[in-house]
Amino acid sequence: MKAQISQFIVEVGRKCNRQCAHCLRGAMEDVTIDIEYVKHIINQVSYIGCITFTGGEPTLYSKEIAEIVDYIVDNHVEVGGFYIASNGEIYSHELMTALIKLYAHSLEFGDNEMTAYDVSNDQFHSPNPDVIAKLKAFSFFSQRNEIPAKGLIAEGFAKDTGYRYLNYDKKFYVSEYPDYDGDDTVYEFDMLYLNALGKMLADCDYSFASQRNIDAPAYNEISLVDLALNEKYSNIE
């Protein structure tokens, strides 16, 4: 039996250089993920459709992201693309070098259709023009514009002003199908969010505070295949 993840989201750390009024994460925390958590998950999968590096502000965790990228490339892990959302205030040469490496690697396994370094350029952010000028050199750079009020999630700093509410009992959505040669079964997670504390969650939009109250297994408590088959945590189609 094999595990795959369509959207693997890694919360690399919880620090940020801003405290935006709409932020679904809430107050930042001095927490950085142990890279061993990430490696443990990666070692169990045969393919990752898209890996997202989130936080916190990802540019504050260039070293950690570069280490994860090196692990992926050095171990020939199949990854179809990556995604990062940044506030655009910091340019990190180390981070961009790592992403170029991951971009080239992922071209072997997909078309990079979902790959993006997305800078928030909306009513809550003021990205640094010098940073934007540098990022324009990369084909995967993009900008997000105004966020509609109804798009705000009622979590973190927007707990009392947001419009969208979350399911705190959400299960992992898993597809079950035979592999290409028909000799094995593949369990593909639609989304798996690995937070900086090492917990695996089925939704990426919980605040740091909410994540502590959700019943979610730790990265090393259960294998991905067993997690897929566990009715308490997962729904299989």
Protein backbone atom coordinates (compact mmCIF):
# COMPACT_ATOMS: atom_id res chain seq x y z
CA MET A 1 0.00 0.00 0.00
CA LYS A 2 1.22 3.46 -0.91
CA ALA A 3 0.42 6.99 0.28
CA GLN A 4 0.35 10.12 -1.83
CA ILE A 5 -0.53 13.72 -0.96
CA SER A 6 -2.12 16.07 -3.46
CA GLN A 7 -1.60 19.17 -1.28
CA PHE A 8 1.11 18.85 1.38
CA ILE A 9 1.21 22.02 3.48
CA VAL A 10 4.12 22.53 5.86
CA GLU A 11 3.90 25.14 8.61
CA VAL A 12 7.61 25.90 8.84
CA GLY A 13 7.28 28.34 11.73
CA ARG A 14 4.95 30.72 13.51
CA LYS A 15 6.93 33.97 13.56
CA CYS A 16 5.93 36.89 11.36
CA ASN A 17 7.20 40.42 10.73
CA ARG A 18 3.61 41.75 10.63
CA GLN A 19 0.46 41.38 12.69
CA CYS A 20 -2.30 41.96 10.12
CA ALA A 21 -5.89 42.55 11.22
CA HIS A 22 -7.23 39.89 8.88
CA CYS A 23 -4.69 37.17 9.78
CA LEU A 24 -6.36 33.83 10.41
CA ARG A 25 -3.33 32.57 12.38
CA GLY A 26 -3.58 35.11 15.19
CA ALA A 27 -0.73 36.17 17.45
CA MET A 28 2.64 34.91 16.27
CA GLU A 29 4.56 32.36 18.31
CA ASP A 30 8.28 31.64 18.61
CA VAL A 31 7.95 28.12 17.21
CA THR A 32 9.95 26.52 14.38
CA ILE A 33 9.23 23.09 12.95
CA ASP A 34 11.66 20.23 13.52
CA ILE A 35 12.70 19.19 10.00
CA GLU A 36 12.58 15.56 11.12
CA TYR A 37 8.79 15.88 11.26
CA VAL A 38 8.74 16.77 7.58
CA LYS A 39 11.19 14.07 6.59
CA HIS A 40 9.09 11.47 8.41
CA ILE A 41 6.06 12.35 6.27
CA ILE A 42 8.01 12.63 3.02
CA ASN A 43 9.57 9.20 3.57
CA GLN A 44 6.10 7.61 3.48
CA VAL A 45 4.83 9.01 0.18
CA SER A 46 5.37 8.03 -3.41
CA TYR A 47 4.26 11.41 -4.78
CA ILE A 48 3.41 14.95 -3.64
CA GLY A 49 1.33 17.00 -6.06
CA CYS A 50 2.20 20.38 -4.54
CA ILE A 51 4.16 21.26 -1.40
CA THR A 52 3.25 24.54 0.28
CA PHE A 53 5.53 26.32 2.75
CA THR A 54 3.52 28.47 5.14
CA GLY A 55 3.70 30.06 8.57
CA GLY A 56 4.06 32.66 9.86
CA GLU A 57 6.02 34.49 7.20
CA PRO A 58 7.93 31.94 5.07
CA THR A 59 10.83 34.28 4.27
CA LEU A 60 11.78 34.15 7.96
CA TYR A 61 12.39 30.41 7.53
CA SER A 62 14.62 30.30 4.49
CA LYS A 63 17.10 27.93 6.15
CA GLU A 64 14.41 25.42 7.05
CA ILE A 65 12.78 25.53 3.62
CA ALA A 66 16.17 25.11 1.93
CA GLU A 67 16.84 22.05 4.09
CA ILE A 68 13.50 20.50 3.13
CA VAL A 69 14.15 21.21 -0.55
CA ASP A 70 17.60 19.62 -0.34
CA TYR A 71 16.05 16.53 1.24
CA ILE A 72 13.45 16.28 -1.51
CA VAL A 73 15.97 16.69 -4.33
CA ASP A 74 18.73 14.54 -2.82
CA ASN A 75 16.28 11.69 -2.21
CA HIS A 76 14.59 11.98 -5.62
CA VAL A 77 11.16 12.54 -4.07
CA GLU A 78 8.51 13.07 -6.73
CA VAL A 79 6.99 16.54 -6.31
CA GLY A 80 4.84 18.24 -8.94
CA GLY A 81 5.21 21.83 -7.75
CA PHE A 82 5.31 24.26 -4.81
CA TYR A 83 3.45 27.26 -3.41
CA ILE A 84 4.44 30.09 -1.07
CA ALA A 85 2.44 33.14 0.03
CA SER A 86 4.52 36.04 1.36
CA ASN A 87 3.84 39.59 2.54
CA GLY A 88 6.58 40.78 0.18
CA GLU A 89 8.63 42.72 2.72
CA ILE A 90 11.72 40.50 2.74
CA TYR A 91 13.83 39.17 -0.11
CA SER A 92 15.82 36.06 0.73
CA HIS A 93 18.51 34.94 -1.68
CA GLU A 94 18.79 31.62 0.20
CA LEU A 95 15.07 30.98 -0.20
CA MET A 96 14.93 31.86 -3.89
CA THR A 97 17.97 29.69 -4.63
CA ALA A 98 16.23 26.77 -2.94
CA LEU A 99 13.00 27.40 -4.88
CA ILE A 100 14.84 27.49 -8.20
CA LYS A 101 16.30 24.11 -7.27
CA LEU A 102 12.85 22.76 -6.39
CA TYR A 103 11.33 24.24 -9.54
CA ALA A 104 13.87 22.47 -11.74
CA HIS A 105 13.40 19.24 -9.80
CA SER A 106 9.61 19.32 -10.03
CA LEU A 107 9.70 19.71 -13.81
CA GLU A 108 10.66 16.03 -13.92
CA PHE A 109 7.33 15.01 -12.37
CA GLY A 110 4.75 17.57 -13.47
CA ASP A 111 4.07 20.76 -15.37
CA ASN A 112 4.46 23.13 -12.40
CA GLU A 113 0.92 24.31 -13.07
CA MET A 114 0.31 25.06 -9.36
CA THR A 115 3.76 26.51 -8.65
CA ALA A 116 3.73 30.11 -7.41
CA TYR A 117 5.53 32.55 -5.16
CA ASP A 118 2.51 34.66 -4.34
CA VAL A 119 2.95 38.12 -2.76
CA SER A 120 0.01 39.69 -0.97
CA ASN A 121 -0.62 43.11 -2.52
CA ASP A 122 -4.01 43.89 -1.01
CA GLN A 123 -5.71 46.24 1.44
CA PHE A 124 -3.83 44.65 4.36
CA HIS A 125 -0.31 44.61 2.93
CA SER A 126 2.26 46.99 1.47
CA PRO A 127 4.99 44.91 -0.17
CA ASN A 128 8.43 46.44 -0.54
CA PRO A 129 8.86 47.76 -4.14
CA ASP A 130 12.53 46.73 -4.15
CA VAL A 131 11.54 43.18 -3.18
CA ILE A 132 8.89 43.09 -5.91
CA ALA A 133 11.41 44.28 -8.49
CA LYS A 134 13.70 41.37 -7.63
CA LEU A 135 10.91 38.79 -7.56
CA LYS A 136 9.77 39.79 -11.05
CA ALA A 137 12.85 38.00 -12.36
CA PHE A 138 11.19 34.66 -11.53
CA SER A 139 8.59 33.10 -13.81
CA PHE A 140 6.65 31.70 -10.82
CA PHE A 141 6.20 35.10 -9.14
CA SER A 142 2.63 36.39 -8.82
CA GLN A 143 0.63 38.91 -6.76
CA ARG A 144 -2.65 38.60 -4.91
CA ASN A 145 -4.88 41.67 -5.01
CA GLU A 146 -7.75 42.90 -2.84
CA ILE A 147 -9.35 40.34 -0.56
CA PRO A 148 -13.16 40.54 -0.53
CA ALA A 149 -14.65 40.93 2.94
CA LYS A 150 -16.66 37.73 2.55
CA GLY A 151 -13.41 35.88 1.94
CA LEU A 152 -12.10 36.56 5.46
CA ILE A 153 -12.01 33.51 7.74
CA ALA A 154 -13.33 33.87 11.29
CA GLU A 155 -10.08 32.73 12.88
CA GLY A 156 -7.16 34.42 14.62
CA PHE A 157 -7.29 38.22 14.46
CA ALA A 158 -10.42 38.00 12.26
CA LYS A 159 -12.28 35.73 14.68
CA ASP A 160 -14.99 38.36 15.31
CA THR A 161 -14.97 40.02 11.88
CA GLY A 162 -14.61 37.14 9.45
CA TYR A 163 -17.45 35.67 7.40
CA ARG A 164 -16.25 32.14 6.72
CA TYR A 165 -16.47 29.53 9.48
CA LEU A 166 -14.58 26.26 9.65
CA ASN A 167 -15.39 22.67 10.51
CA TYR A 168 -13.28 21.75 13.52
CA ASP A 169 -14.13 18.07 13.13
CA LYS A 170 -13.08 17.89 9.49
CA LYS A 171 -11.70 14.55 8.37
CA PHE A 172 -9.01 13.86 5.80
CA TYR A 173 -10.44 13.26 2.35
CA VAL A 174 -8.69 10.25 0.83
CA SER A 175 -9.02 8.65 -2.60
CA GLU A 176 -8.36 4.93 -2.90
CA TYR A 177 -7.34 3.40 -6.22
CA PRO A 178 -5.00 0.75 -7.67
CA ASP A 179 -1.55 1.84 -8.81
CA TYR A 180 -0.52 1.75 -12.45
CA ASP A 181 0.44 -1.93 -12.55
CA GLY A 182 -2.52 -2.99 -10.42
CA ASP A 183 -0.32 -4.74 -7.85
CA ASP A 184 -0.80 -2.24 -5.05
CA THR A 185 -3.32 0.18 -3.56
CA VAL A 186 -2.74 3.93 -3.46
CA TYR A 187 -4.25 6.17 -0.78
CA GLU A 188 -4.10 9.79 -1.88
CA PHE A 189 -4.75 12.56 0.65
CA ASP A 190 -6.44 15.59 -0.89
CA MET A 191 -4.73 17.77 1.74
CA LEU A 192 -2.45 17.20 4.70
CA TYR A 193 -1.37 20.09 6.90
CA LEU A 194 1.69 19.44 9.07
CA ASN A 195 1.94 22.16 11.68
CA ALA A 196 5.06 23.39 13.46
CA LEU A 197 4.17 21.29 16.51
CA GLY A 198 4.18 18.10 14.45
CA LYS A 199 0.41 17.60 14.29
CA MET A 200 -1.31 16.44 11.08
CA LEU A 201 -4.56 18.29 10.27
CA ALA A 202 -7.12 18.03 7.47
CA ASP A 203 -7.56 21.81 7.01
CA CYS A 204 -4.94 24.53 6.50
CA ASP A 205 -7.03 27.49 7.73
CA TYR A 206 -7.09 27.02 11.50
CA SER A 207 -5.55 29.61 13.81
CA PHE A 208 -2.62 28.63 15.98
CA ALA A 209 -4.97 28.65 18.99
CA SER A 210 -7.59 26.46 17.29
CA GLN A 211 -4.97 23.94 16.21
CA ARG A 212 -4.20 23.21 19.86
CA ASN A 213 -7.81 22.23 20.55
CA ILE A 214 -8.35 19.97 17.55
CA ASP A 215 -8.02 16.22 17.95
CA ALA A 216 -5.25 15.52 15.46
CA PRO A 217 -2.57 12.83 15.44
CA ALA A 218 1.13 13.63 15.72
CA TYR A 219 3.40 12.97 12.75
CA ASN A 220 4.81 9.83 14.40
CA GLU A 221 1.67 8.43 16.05
CA ILE A 222 0.27 6.72 12.97
CA SER A 223 1.50 5.92 9.47
CA LEU A 224 -0.14 7.72 6.55
CA VAL A 225 -1.65 4.48 5.23
CA ASP A 226 -3.12 3.67 8.65
CA LEU A 227 -4.33 7.26 8.95
CA ALA A 228 -6.10 6.92 5.60
CA LEU A 229 -7.82 3.75 6.84
CA ASN A 230 -8.76 5.19 10.22
CA GLU A 231 -12.49 6.04 10.27
CA LYS A 232 -12.02 8.46 13.15
CA TYR A 233 -9.79 10.74 11.09
CA SER A 234 -10.45 9.97 7.42
CA ASN A 235 -13.13 9.49 4.80
CA ILE A 236 -12.20 7.25 1.86
CA GLU A 237 -13.71 7.38 -1.59
